Amino acid sequence: MLQAKAAGLQFAIFNSCKGLRIANALIDLGLSQVAIMREPIHNQVAQLFFTEFIRQLEQFANVHEALCAACEFLKQEHDRTLHYPSAALIPSLFRHPEVPLFRLTPTGWRHRIAPWLPSRKQAMALTAIAGLSLIVPVQDLLLDSRLGLQAIYRNVTRQIPAASPPTLLVQIDEASIRDRGLDARKINPIDRSYLGDVLNQIPRLQTTQSGPANPAPKVIGIDFLLDRPTQEDPPLQRAIAQATQRGNLLVFAAIVQGKTVVGVRPSLAQLEANLQGNAFLYPWTVELPSSQGCDRICPLGYTLALASVTQAQQAGHNGSPEQAQSLSQQHFAPWVDRVRKFGQSWFQPILDFSIPPDRVYRSISAQQLFHNQLQPEDKIPAIVLIAPGGYEEAGLNGRGEDNFALPTAIAYWSSQAPGAIPKTSLTGAEAHAYMVHHLLQQRLVVPIPDFLMIALAGLGGQIWINDDRRRTQRNQYRTVKIRNFAIGMGIYGLVSLQTFITASVLLPYFLPVATLGLYVIPALKKSTYDSSF
């Protein structure tokens, strides 16, 4: 025995005979840990016990955990097949209390990473949550809810930016159409003579100003697709020519169909003196040029912002070469272009609807413009965008495609305006105005993908479990752990809300917290930890 101990013997087991005297003798000789049977047992019981005990040691349980698991196994086997009552009560462990429990030491890289790998159930849950995060409608729902909460947080904490809207929306709504005597059900395509009249009214905006510090807008956007010829083209053609002569830079809406750009007819406007931009809207994200530059045509909001800075720079007003250069260098990373082909918008800047609309754009109807109902003290933004104002026929095919479901954040801000009529939809022009604002203010909020934060939450949950396995008095701290988990998630929620505002980074909340909860909450309910839920 002494030779075996000198050679490294740390633990002994005697599982087939009465071993109380053996245990006492070995402990007296200096062996720190001995497992024995207090009474003689049947050989069949001894074999079952030893097999399960060794299996637990192979899974790197300590000798006490292995003995308890083997006893539980004997109890279950007795209930099914054996006929040796109370056999599970006989095994005992003798050891010096100061000596750590014997445990096999794992070797190799697989064993080193094993504590950090999810169990089968955990892997299935992580796969399900990660798969859920890749479903676009789920992404839209989570983003809409988050921006609604973000708007409330902005309002409560008084972190609303100053009012400096760069865009004035002149919206042709149903009231404007009726005021003109047109049939709202037959307004697609838009009456070109009416559109020309609206364009001719833009110089009247300058008459509301009291001095040279507030010049008339130089950039005029037209968010109508003017690709089809109509009988009313001549009045619009004249209005476009007059606007160009006044020094206005016109930006027309266009779309890309296959490899063809469908935009303003050459008979209406010459693109040598004007611009056009892609009016396509990816769900509530800021449209930027691709990593290779503008593919055939730049996004409409981007074109309006860049044109505004360039025009202001040439006129000697606000704007600088640095700002124009910064805007011209904005583009998507190459891998963002690739994931967009699969319907994903990872790390693509979003429209920050948590900012109130009146901080982003001003809006009047065409009817108000014709009746000169703009307030004289109002400062006219540098960009005017003539666009549909929510009438039923608005859209490429005349089925209301330009009217989008109202984001929760915009609905909140609408409810906060005293006496305002609640909005029911968001127009494409309003989304473009948000893009213009974000580009000019360099307010590009980048969302961190849910799947990435889900992976980090899974790692955090595994760290929590591995740390708690080392504690021997877990039940004593159970209430404290639940409280700490709730406090931690609350702090993370506040940090994510504030980070959105100060760092322009959106840290997802719901799915990562749900992932961490799948690890932590079931573990807190267990009397002992294992690697499964």
Protein backbone atom coordinates (compact mmCIF):
# COMPACT_ATOMS: atom_id res chain seq x y z
CA MET A 1 0.00 0.00 0.00
CA LEU A 2 2.76 2.41 0.93
CA GLN A 3 4.55 1.62 -2.34
CA ALA A 4 1.35 2.28 -4.32
CA LYS A 5 0.83 5.59 -2.57
CA ALA A 6 4.42 6.55 -3.26
CA ALA A 7 3.85 5.68 -6.92
CA GLY A 8 0.93 8.15 -7.10
CA LEU A 9 -2.12 6.27 -5.83
CA GLN A 10 -4.76 8.87 -4.89
CA PHE A 11 -7.99 6.91 -4.66
CA ALA A 12 -9.12 3.34 -4.01
CA ILE A 13 -12.48 1.57 -4.37
CA PHE A 14 -13.62 -1.73 -2.82
CA ASN A 15 -17.07 -2.53 -4.08
CA SER A 16 -17.74 -6.19 -3.39
CA CYS A 17 -17.05 -6.80 0.32
CA LYS A 18 -17.63 -5.19 3.68
CA GLY A 19 -15.04 -2.46 3.65
CA LEU A 20 -15.28 -0.37 6.84
CA ARG A 21 -12.08 -1.79 8.33
CA ILE A 22 -10.32 -1.54 4.97
CA ALA A 23 -11.28 2.11 4.65
CA ASN A 24 -10.09 2.96 8.16
CA ALA A 25 -6.81 1.15 7.59
CA LEU A 26 -6.11 2.86 4.28
CA ILE A 27 -6.96 6.28 5.68
CA ASP A 28 -4.59 5.62 8.59
CA LEU A 29 -1.87 4.72 6.10
CA GLY A 30 -2.30 8.12 4.42
CA LEU A 31 -4.57 7.43 1.47
CA SER A 32 -6.86 10.42 1.30
CA GLN A 33 -9.96 8.93 -0.38
CA VAL A 34 -11.53 5.47 -0.34
CA ALA A 35 -14.92 4.26 -1.62
CA ILE A 36 -16.24 1.10 0.06
CA MET A 37 -19.41 -0.88 0.78
CA ARG A 38 -20.46 -0.84 4.40
CA GLU A 39 -22.02 -4.31 4.02
CA PRO A 40 -21.36 -7.25 1.67
CA ILE A 41 -23.39 -7.00 -1.56
CA HIS A 42 -24.32 -9.37 -4.37
CA ASN A 43 -21.85 -9.60 -7.23
CA GLN A 44 -24.50 -8.40 -9.74
CA VAL A 45 -25.02 -5.24 -7.70
CA ALA A 46 -21.27 -4.70 -7.40
CA GLN A 47 -20.83 -4.96 -11.18
CA LEU A 48 -23.62 -2.50 -11.90
CA PHE A 49 -22.33 -0.06 -9.32
CA PHE A 50 -18.73 -0.25 -10.53
CA THR A 51 -19.68 0.12 -14.19
CA GLU A 52 -21.76 3.25 -13.55
CA PHE A 53 -19.15 4.67 -11.15
CA ILE A 54 -16.41 4.31 -13.76
CA ARG A 55 -18.65 5.80 -16.45
CA GLN A 56 -19.17 8.90 -14.30
CA LEU A 57 -15.43 9.21 -13.68
CA GLU A 58 -14.86 9.02 -17.43
CA GLN A 59 -17.15 12.04 -17.77
CA PHE A 60 -14.82 13.85 -15.35
CA ALA A 61 -17.14 13.86 -12.36
CA ASN A 62 -15.37 13.85 -8.98
CA VAL A 63 -15.56 10.71 -6.87
CA HIS A 64 -18.37 12.04 -4.69
CA GLU A 65 -20.48 12.98 -7.72
CA ALA A 66 -19.70 9.61 -9.31
CA LEU A 67 -20.69 7.71 -6.17
CA CYS A 68 -23.99 9.59 -5.83
CA ALA A 69 -24.79 9.03 -9.51
CA ALA A 70 -23.99 5.32 -9.22
CA CYS A 71 -26.23 5.01 -6.14
CA GLU A 72 -29.06 6.71 -8.02
CA PHE A 73 -28.48 4.29 -10.89
CA LEU A 74 -28.72 1.32 -8.49
CA LYS A 75 -31.98 2.66 -7.13
CA GLN A 76 -33.45 2.89 -10.62
CA GLU A 77 -32.21 -0.58 -11.59
CA HIS A 78 -33.70 -2.07 -8.41
CA ASP A 79 -37.09 -0.62 -9.31
CA ARG A 80 -36.90 -2.24 -12.77
CA THR A 81 -34.94 -5.52 -12.61
CA LEU A 82 -33.00 -6.15 -9.39
CA HIS A 83 -34.33 -7.64 -6.20
CA TYR A 84 -31.81 -6.32 -3.69
CA PRO A 85 -33.58 -3.64 -1.67
CA SER A 86 -31.55 -0.83 -0.08
CA ALA A 87 -28.41 -1.68 -2.07
CA ALA A 88 -28.14 1.98 -3.08
CA LEU A 89 -27.71 2.93 0.61
CA ILE A 90 -24.57 0.86 1.18
CA PRO A 91 -21.79 2.66 -0.78
CA SER A 92 -19.78 5.22 1.22
CA LEU A 93 -16.86 7.56 0.65
CA PHE A 94 -14.12 8.07 3.25
CA ARG A 95 -11.70 10.99 2.85
CA HIS A 96 -9.74 13.68 4.64
CA PRO A 97 -11.89 16.84 4.60
CA GLU A 98 -8.97 19.10 3.57
CA VAL A 99 -8.12 17.06 0.49
CA PRO A 100 -9.80 18.00 -2.82
CA LEU A 101 -12.06 15.36 -4.27
CA PHE A 102 -10.32 13.13 -6.79
CA ARG A 103 -11.24 13.79 -10.41
CA LEU A 104 -9.69 12.60 -13.65
CA THR A 105 -7.90 15.42 -15.43
CA PRO A 106 -8.99 15.80 -19.05
CA THR A 107 -6.28 16.15 -21.71
CA GLY A 108 -6.29 17.34 -25.30
CA TRP A 109 -7.88 20.34 -27.01
CA ARG A 110 -11.29 18.68 -27.25
CA HIS A 111 -11.52 18.32 -23.50
CA ARG A 112 -10.32 21.87 -22.97
CA ILE A 113 -13.09 23.33 -25.11
CA ALA A 114 -15.77 20.88 -23.93
CA PRO A 115 -16.98 23.11 -21.03
CA TRP A 116 -17.64 25.90 -23.54
CA LEU A 117 -19.64 23.85 -26.00
CA PRO A 118 -23.44 23.73 -25.79
CA SER A 119 -25.24 20.53 -24.96
CA ARG A 120 -27.49 18.90 -27.53
CA LYS A 121 -30.58 20.65 -26.16
CA GLN A 122 -28.75 23.95 -25.91
CA ALA A 123 -27.51 23.62 -29.49
CA MET A 124 -31.04 22.94 -30.70
CA ALA A 125 -32.37 25.98 -28.87
CA LEU A 126 -29.56 28.20 -30.16
CA THR A 127 -30.17 27.00 -33.71
CA ALA A 128 -33.89 27.73 -33.40
CA ILE A 129 -33.35 31.24 -32.03
CA ALA A 130 -30.62 32.03 -34.56
CA GLY A 131 -32.88 30.77 -37.36
CA LEU A 132 -35.69 32.95 -36.05
CA SER A 133 -33.39 35.98 -36.15
CA LEU A 134 -32.82 35.44 -39.89
CA ILE A 135 -36.51 35.65 -40.80
CA VAL A 136 -37.07 39.10 -42.31
CA PRO A 137 -40.63 39.66 -40.92
CA VAL A 138 -39.32 38.83 -37.45
CA GLN A 139 -36.46 41.29 -37.95
CA ASP A 140 -38.91 43.98 -39.05
CA LEU A 141 -41.17 43.35 -36.06
CA LEU A 142 -38.29 43.50 -33.57
CA LEU A 143 -36.84 46.63 -35.19
CA ASP A 144 -40.20 48.38 -35.25
CA SER A 145 -40.81 47.59 -31.57
CA ARG A 146 -37.31 48.68 -30.62
CA LEU A 147 -37.59 52.01 -32.43
CA GLY A 148 -40.93 52.63 -30.72
CA LEU A 149 -39.30 52.03 -27.34
CA GLN A 150 -36.35 54.16 -28.40
CA ALA A 151 -38.69 57.05 -29.23
CA ILE A 152 -40.27 56.85 -25.78
CA TYR A 153 -36.81 56.76 -24.18
CA ARG A 154 -35.74 59.83 -26.16
CA ASN A 155 -38.83 61.72 -25.09
CA VAL A 156 -38.59 60.75 -21.42
CA THR A 157 -34.87 61.55 -21.17
CA ARG A 158 -35.22 64.75 -23.22
CA GLN A 159 -32.60 63.72 -25.78
CA ILE A 160 -34.44 65.08 -28.81
CA PRO A 161 -32.16 66.80 -31.36
CA ALA A 162 -32.64 70.43 -32.27
CA ALA A 163 -35.04 71.24 -35.09
CA SER A 164 -33.03 71.72 -38.29
CA PRO A 165 -34.96 69.90 -41.00
CA PRO A 166 -33.06 70.02 -44.31
CA THR A 167 -36.08 69.00 -46.41
CA LEU A 168 -39.45 70.53 -47.14
CA LEU A 169 -42.01 68.02 -48.39
CA VAL A 170 -44.63 69.43 -50.72
CA GLN A 171 -47.15 66.62 -50.61
CA ILE A 172 -49.90 66.18 -53.14
CA ASP A 173 -52.59 64.65 -50.95
CA GLU A 174 -56.26 63.93 -51.54
CA ALA A 175 -57.30 67.38 -50.31
CA SER A 176 -54.93 69.00 -52.80
CA ILE A 177 -56.28 66.81 -55.59
CA ARG A 178 -59.89 67.66 -54.76
CA ASP A 179 -58.98 71.36 -54.46
CA ARG A 180 -57.67 71.17 -58.02
CA GLY A 181 -60.90 69.51 -59.18
CA LEU A 182 -59.17 66.26 -60.14
CA ASP A 183 -60.53 62.75 -59.63
CA ALA A 184 -58.45 61.05 -56.92
CA ARG A 185 -59.31 57.66 -58.41
CA LYS A 186 -57.78 58.64 -61.78
CA ILE A 187 -54.60 60.30 -60.64
CA ASN A 188 -52.14 57.63 -61.74
CA PRO A 189 -50.10 58.73 -63.56
CA ILE A 190 -50.12 62.15 -61.96
CA ASP A 191 -51.59 64.99 -64.01
CA ARG A 192 -48.41 66.52 -65.50
CA SER A 193 -49.93 69.99 -65.87
CA TYR A 194 -50.81 69.99 -62.16
CA LEU A 195 -47.29 68.85 -61.32
CA GLY A 196 -45.94 71.68 -63.46
CA ASP A 197 -48.12 74.18 -61.60
CA VAL A 198 -46.77 72.91 -58.27
CA LEU A 199 -43.21 73.29 -59.56
CA ASN A 200 -43.98 76.85 -60.67
CA GLN A 201 -45.15 77.68 -57.15
CA ILE A 202 -41.80 76.83 -55.53
CA PRO A 203 -40.34 80.36 -56.06
CA ARG A 204 -43.17 81.71 -53.92
CA LEU A 205 -41.45 80.14 -50.95
CA GLN A 206 -38.79 82.81 -51.17
CA THR A 207 -41.37 85.59 -50.78
CA THR A 208 -42.07 84.45 -47.23
CA GLN A 209 -38.51 85.27 -46.21
CA SER A 210 -37.43 88.65 -44.89
CA GLY A 211 -33.82 88.81 -46.04
CA PRO A 212 -31.00 87.37 -48.12
CA ALA A 213 -29.98 85.01 -45.30
CA ASN A 214 -32.82 82.71 -46.31
CA PRO A 215 -32.52 82.07 -50.06
CA ALA A 216 -34.98 80.01 -52.03
CA PRO A 217 -34.24 76.31 -52.17
CA LYS A 218 -31.79 75.29 -54.87
CA VAL A 219 -32.46 71.54 -54.98
CA ILE A 220 -35.91 70.35 -55.99
CA GLY A 221 -36.74 66.66 -55.97
CA ILE A 222 -39.72 65.16 -57.80
CA ASP A 223 -40.74 61.82 -56.36
CA PHE A 224 -42.95 60.85 -59.29
CA LEU A 225 -41.89 58.46 -62.03
CA LEU A 226 -42.16 60.47 -65.26
CA ASP A 227 -41.37 57.72 -67.74
CA ARG A 228 -44.68 57.51 -69.66
CA PRO A 229 -45.80 60.19 -72.12
CA THR A 230 -49.09 62.00 -71.45
CA GLN A 231 -51.04 64.79 -73.08
CA GLU A 232 -50.17 67.10 -70.16
CA ASP A 233 -46.40 66.88 -70.73
CA PRO A 234 -45.89 70.37 -72.34
CA PRO A 235 -46.84 72.40 -69.21
CA LEU A 236 -44.53 70.30 -67.08
CA GLN A 237 -41.75 70.57 -69.65
CA ARG A 238 -41.98 74.35 -69.54
CA ALA A 239 -42.02 74.39 -65.74
CA ILE A 240 -38.88 72.20 -65.64
CA ALA A 241 -37.11 74.47 -68.13
CA GLN A 242 -38.00 77.57 -66.11
CA ALA A 243 -36.77 75.97 -62.88
CA THR A 244 -33.48 75.09 -64.54
CA GLN A 245 -33.11 78.66 -65.79
CA ARG A 246 -33.67 79.93 -62.23
CA GLY A 247 -30.65 77.92 -61.15
CA ASN A 248 -32.53 75.06 -59.51
CA LEU A 249 -31.04 71.59 -59.66
CA LEU A 250 -33.82 69.06 -60.20
CA VAL A 251 -33.55 65.46 -59.00
CA PHE A 252 -36.08 63.06 -60.52
CA ALA A 253 -37.20 59.69 -59.18
CA ALA A 254 -36.24 56.61 -61.18
CA ILE A 255 -36.27 52.84 -60.77
CA VAL A 256 -34.07 50.00 -61.99
CA GLN A 257 -35.73 47.21 -63.95
CA GLY A 258 -33.23 44.50 -64.69
CA LYS A 259 -30.25 46.29 -66.22
CA THR A 260 -32.30 49.28 -67.37
CA VAL A 261 -32.83 52.58 -65.56
CA VAL A 262 -36.40 53.79 -65.98
CA GLY A 263 -36.57 57.49 -65.21
CA VAL A 264 -37.64 60.87 -66.51
CA ARG A 265 -38.39 61.09 -70.22
CA PRO A 266 -35.72 62.99 -72.21
CA SER A 267 -38.48 65.10 -73.76
CA LEU A 268 -39.31 66.44 -70.27
CA ALA A 269 -35.86 67.07 -68.82
CA GLN A 270 -32.29 66.82 -70.02
CA LEU A 271 -30.15 64.94 -67.53
CA GLU A 272 -27.08 66.95 -68.54
CA ALA A 273 -28.47 69.76 -66.36
CA ASN A 274 -30.39 67.65 -63.83
CA LEU A 275 -30.11 64.41 -61.88
CA GLN A 276 -32.17 61.35 -61.07
CA GLY A 277 -32.05 58.91 -58.16
CA ASN A 278 -33.27 55.40 -57.47
CA ALA A 279 -36.48 55.70 -55.46
CA PHE A 280 -36.39 52.04 -54.36
CA LEU A 281 -36.84 51.60 -50.60
CA TYR A 282 -35.28 48.66 -48.78
CA PRO A 283 -37.32 48.12 -45.58
CA TRP A 284 -36.42 51.08 -43.38
CA THR A 285 -32.71 51.19 -44.11
CA VAL A 286 -30.53 54.00 -45.40
CA GLU A 287 -29.76 53.40 -49.06
CA LEU A 288 -26.12 54.00 -50.01
CA PRO A 289 -24.08 53.27 -53.13
CA SER A 290 -22.62 49.78 -53.36
CA SER A 291 -18.97 49.09 -52.65
CA GLN A 292 -18.33 49.56 -56.39
CA GLY A 293 -20.09 52.94 -56.46
CA CYS A 294 -23.49 53.80 -57.86
CA ASP A 295 -24.54 50.94 -60.12
CA ARG A 296 -26.16 52.80 -63.05
CA ILE A 297 -27.93 55.16 -60.63
CA CYS A 298 -27.48 56.44 -57.05
CA PRO A 299 -30.22 56.24 -54.38
CA LEU A 300 -32.67 59.15 -54.40
CA GLY A 301 -32.09 60.29 -50.80
CA TYR A 302 -28.32 60.06 -51.24
CA THR A 303 -28.51 62.07 -54.48
CA LEU A 304 -30.62 64.78 -52.85
CA ALA A 305 -28.21 65.10 -49.91
CA LEU A 306 -25.12 65.23 -52.10
CA ALA A 307 -26.75 67.73 -54.48
CA SER A 308 -27.70 69.94 -51.55
CA VAL A 309 -24.16 70.04 -50.15
CA THR A 310 -22.67 70.67 -53.58
CA GLN A 311 -25.11 73.48 -54.37
CA ALA A 312 -24.56 75.12 -50.97
CA GLN A 313 -20.81 74.93 -51.45
CA GLN A 314 -21.01 76.55 -54.87
CA ALA A 315 -23.30 79.30 -53.55
CA GLY A 316 -20.99 80.02 -50.62
CA HIS A 317 -23.56 79.05 -48.00
CA ASN A 318 -23.47 76.18 -45.55
CA GLY A 319 -21.52 73.23 -46.76
CA SER A 320 -17.85 72.47 -47.17
CA PRO A 321 -15.62 70.43 -49.45
CA GLU A 322 -15.04 68.05 -46.54
CA GLN A 323 -18.76 67.40 -46.11
CA ALA A 324 -19.20 66.82 -49.85
CA GLN A 325 -16.19 64.51 -49.91
CA SER A 326 -17.48 62.61 -46.87
CA LEU A 327 -20.85 62.09 -48.52
CA SER A 328 -19.32 61.03 -51.83
CA GLN A 329 -17.29 58.37 -50.01
CA GLN A 330 -20.26 56.82 -48.24
CA HIS A 331 -20.97 53.30 -49.51
CA PHE A 332 -21.79 49.80 -48.35
CA ALA A 333 -19.02 47.38 -47.44
CA PRO A 334 -18.55 44.60 -50.03
CA TRP A 335 -19.97 41.88 -47.79
CA VAL A 336 -23.05 44.04 -47.06
CA ASP A 337 -23.79 43.98 -50.79
CA ARG A 338 -23.54 40.20 -50.77
CA VAL A 339 -25.85 39.55 -47.81
CA ARG A 340 -28.44 41.94 -49.26
CA LYS A 341 -28.90 39.43 -52.07
CA PHE A 342 -30.22 37.00 -49.45
CA GLY A 343 -32.64 39.54 -48.00
CA GLN A 344 -30.46 40.37 -45.00
CA SER A 345 -29.42 43.89 -43.95
CA TRP A 346 -26.62 43.13 -41.50
CA PHE A 347 -24.76 46.25 -40.36
CA GLN A 348 -26.73 48.36 -42.85
CA PRO A 349 -27.68 51.77 -41.33
CA ILE A 350 -31.34 52.09 -40.42
CA LEU A 351 -33.82 54.95 -40.53
CA ASP A 352 -33.89 56.38 -37.01
CA PHE A 353 -37.62 56.88 -36.52
CA SER A 354 -36.93 57.58 -32.84
CA ILE A 355 -36.20 61.16 -33.99
CA PRO A 356 -39.47 63.13 -34.28
CA PRO A 357 -40.52 63.83 -37.89
CA ASP A 358 -40.58 67.60 -37.29
CA ARG A 359 -36.83 67.41 -36.56
CA VAL A 360 -36.23 65.66 -39.87
CA TYR A 361 -38.47 67.43 -42.39
CA ARG A 362 -41.16 70.05 -42.73
CA SER A 363 -44.29 69.24 -44.61
CA ILE A 364 -46.98 71.23 -46.39
CA SER A 365 -49.62 70.14 -48.84
CA ALA A 366 -49.76 71.37 -52.41
CA GLN A 367 -53.07 73.01 -51.48
CA GLN A 368 -51.32 75.04 -48.76
CA LEU A 369 -48.62 76.02 -51.23
CA PHE A 370 -51.16 77.26 -53.77
CA HIS A 371 -53.02 79.23 -51.09
CA ASN A 372 -49.78 80.63 -49.65
CA GLN A 373 -50.42 79.16 -46.19
CA LEU A 374 -46.75 78.84 -45.26
CA GLN A 375 -45.91 80.77 -42.12
CA PRO A 376 -43.78 83.86 -42.92
CA GLU A 377 -41.42 83.27 -40.02
CA ASP A 378 -40.61 79.74 -41.12
CA LYS A 379 -37.15 79.07 -42.50
CA ILE A 380 -37.30 77.28 -45.82
CA PRO A 381 -35.08 74.18 -46.00
CA ALA A 382 -32.50 73.85 -48.73
CA ILE A 383 -34.25 70.87 -50.35
CA VAL A 384 -37.82 70.73 -51.58
CA LEU A 385 -39.26 67.31 -52.44
CA ILE A 386 -42.52 67.25 -54.40
CA ALA A 387 -44.11 63.89 -53.70
CA PRO A 388 -47.35 61.94 -53.20
CA GLY A 389 -49.01 62.69 -49.90
CA GLY A 390 -50.74 59.43 -49.12
CA TYR A 391 -53.58 59.37 -51.62
CA GLU A 392 -54.96 55.97 -52.53
CA GLU A 393 -53.50 55.77 -56.06
CA ALA A 394 -49.95 56.67 -55.01
CA GLY A 395 -47.42 54.15 -56.24
CA LEU A 396 -45.82 52.71 -59.33
CA ASN A 397 -48.82 50.58 -60.26
CA GLY A 398 -51.48 52.84 -58.78
CA ARG A 399 -52.32 50.51 -55.89
CA GLY A 400 -50.94 52.55 -53.01
CA GLU A 401 -47.42 51.07 -53.10
CA ASP A 402 -46.05 54.41 -51.91
CA ASN A 403 -48.03 54.17 -48.65
CA PHE A 404 -46.32 52.02 -46.03
CA ALA A 405 -47.51 50.72 -42.68
CA LEU A 406 -46.96 53.34 -40.01
CA PRO A 407 -43.89 52.59 -37.84
CA THR A 408 -44.61 52.40 -34.12
CA ALA A 409 -42.18 55.24 -33.38
CA ILE A 410 -43.89 57.59 -35.87
CA ALA A 411 -47.27 56.66 -34.41
CA TYR A 412 -45.92 57.58 -30.96
CA TRP A 413 -44.66 60.97 -32.12
CA SER A 414 -47.95 61.58 -33.91
CA SER A 415 -49.82 60.95 -30.67
CA GLN A 416 -47.59 63.43 -28.82
CA ALA A 417 -48.38 66.36 -31.12
CA PRO A 418 -51.19 68.43 -29.58
CA GLY A 419 -54.25 68.60 -31.81
CA ALA A 420 -52.57 66.70 -34.66
CA ILE A 421 -54.56 64.30 -36.79
CA PRO A 422 -53.20 60.78 -36.13
CA LYS A 423 -51.20 59.43 -39.06
CA THR A 424 -52.24 56.16 -40.66
CA SER A 425 -49.31 55.53 -43.01
CA LEU A 426 -45.80 56.62 -43.90
CA THR A 427 -45.13 57.80 -47.43
CA GLY A 428 -42.04 56.97 -49.44
CA ALA A 429 -41.10 60.66 -49.54
CA GLU A 430 -41.02 60.78 -45.74
CA ALA A 431 -38.64 57.81 -45.72
CA HIS A 432 -36.41 59.57 -48.27
CA ALA A 433 -36.48 62.69 -46.08
CA TYR A 434 -35.19 60.62 -43.15
CA MET A 435 -32.35 59.37 -45.36
CA VAL A 436 -31.44 62.92 -46.37
CA HIS A 437 -31.41 64.04 -42.73
CA HIS A 438 -29.25 61.12 -41.59
CA LEU A 439 -26.73 61.63 -44.38
CA LEU A 440 -26.42 65.39 -43.86
CA GLN A 441 -26.24 65.03 -40.07
CA GLN A 442 -23.95 62.01 -40.32
CA ARG A 443 -26.44 60.10 -38.23
CA LEU A 444 -26.00 56.53 -39.46
CA VAL A 445 -27.23 54.05 -36.83
CA VAL A 446 -25.65 50.65 -37.44
CA PRO A 447 -27.55 47.63 -36.04
CA ILE A 448 -25.55 44.73 -34.65
CA PRO A 449 -27.05 41.51 -36.12
CA ASP A 450 -29.16 39.47 -33.72
CA PHE A 451 -27.40 36.24 -34.62
CA LEU A 452 -24.05 37.67 -33.48
CA MET A 453 -25.44 38.80 -30.13
CA ILE A 454 -27.22 35.44 -29.77
CA ALA A 455 -23.82 33.72 -30.08
CA LEU A 456 -22.34 36.05 -27.45
CA ALA A 457 -25.32 35.45 -25.16
CA GLY A 458 -24.84 31.70 -25.54
CA LEU A 459 -21.19 32.07 -24.56
CA GLY A 460 -22.20 34.23 -21.60
CA GLY A 461 -24.71 31.62 -20.49
CA GLN A 462 -22.06 28.89 -20.68
CA ILE A 463 -19.68 31.02 -18.60
CA TRP A 464 -22.44 31.50 -16.01
CA ILE A 465 -23.05 27.75 -15.78
CA ASN A 466 -19.35 26.83 -15.65
CA ASP A 467 -18.77 29.38 -12.89
CA ASP A 468 -21.72 28.11 -10.89
CA ARG A 469 -20.57 24.51 -11.13
CA ARG A 470 -17.56 25.48 -9.07
CA ARG A 471 -19.72 26.68 -6.20
CA THR A 472 -20.74 24.19 -3.55
CA GLN A 473 -23.47 26.25 -1.87
CA ARG A 474 -25.53 27.26 -4.90
CA ASN A 475 -28.92 27.08 -3.16
CA GLN A 476 -27.77 29.62 -0.59
CA TYR A 477 -27.35 32.20 -3.34
CA ARG A 478 -30.26 31.23 -5.58
CA THR A 479 -32.42 34.28 -4.81
CA VAL A 480 -29.42 36.58 -5.16
CA LYS A 481 -28.58 35.08 -8.55
CA ILE A 482 -32.10 35.55 -9.89
CA ARG A 483 -32.08 39.15 -8.69
CA ASN A 484 -28.65 39.78 -10.20
CA PHE A 485 -29.77 38.30 -13.51
CA ALA A 486 -32.81 40.60 -13.62
CA ILE A 487 -30.70 43.64 -12.65
CA GLY A 488 -28.09 42.75 -15.24
CA MET A 489 -30.66 42.50 -18.02
CA GLY A 490 -32.17 45.81 -16.95
CA ILE A 491 -28.76 47.50 -17.04
CA TYR A 492 -28.06 46.02 -20.46
CA GLY A 493 -31.39 47.35 -21.68
CA LEU A 494 -30.58 50.89 -20.52
CA VAL A 495 -27.07 50.69 -21.96
CA SER A 496 -28.44 49.54 -25.33
CA LEU A 497 -30.98 52.39 -25.38
CA GLN A 498 -28.34 55.00 -24.59
CA THR A 499 -25.75 53.49 -26.94
CA PHE A 500 -28.28 53.86 -29.74
CA ILE A 501 -28.34 57.62 -29.16
CA THR A 502 -24.75 58.44 -28.22
CA ALA A 503 -22.80 55.92 -30.32
CA SER A 504 -25.29 55.31 -33.18
CA VAL A 505 -25.15 51.56 -32.54
CA LEU A 506 -28.23 49.39 -32.10
CA LEU A 507 -27.59 46.52 -29.70
CA PRO A 508 -30.44 44.00 -30.02
CA TYR A 509 -32.21 43.09 -26.81
CA PHE A 510 -35.05 40.58 -26.99
CA LEU A 511 -33.48 37.54 -28.69
CA PRO A 512 -30.07 37.79 -26.91
CA VAL A 513 -31.77 38.12 -23.52
CA ALA A 514 -34.07 35.19 -24.37
CA THR A 515 -30.96 33.15 -25.28
CA LEU A 516 -29.22 33.94 -22.01
CA GLY A 517 -32.42 33.16 -20.13
CA LEU A 518 -32.57 29.71 -21.75
CA TYR A 519 -29.23 28.97 -20.10
CA VAL A 520 -29.57 30.69 -16.76
CA ILE A 521 -33.20 30.28 -15.70
CA PRO A 522 -33.41 26.46 -16.05
CA ALA A 523 -30.06 26.16 -14.28
CA LEU A 524 -31.31 28.21 -11.34
CA LYS A 525 -34.24 25.83 -10.90
CA LYS A 526 -32.08 22.73 -10.64
CA SER A 527 -30.74 21.35 -7.41
CA THR A 528 -27.54 20.31 -9.20
CA TYR A 529 -26.07 21.44 -12.47
CA ASP A 530 -25.45 19.32 -15.52
CA SER A 531 -24.78 20.21 -19.13
CA SER A 532 -28.42 20.08 -20.24
CA PHE A 533 -31.37 22.36 -19.66
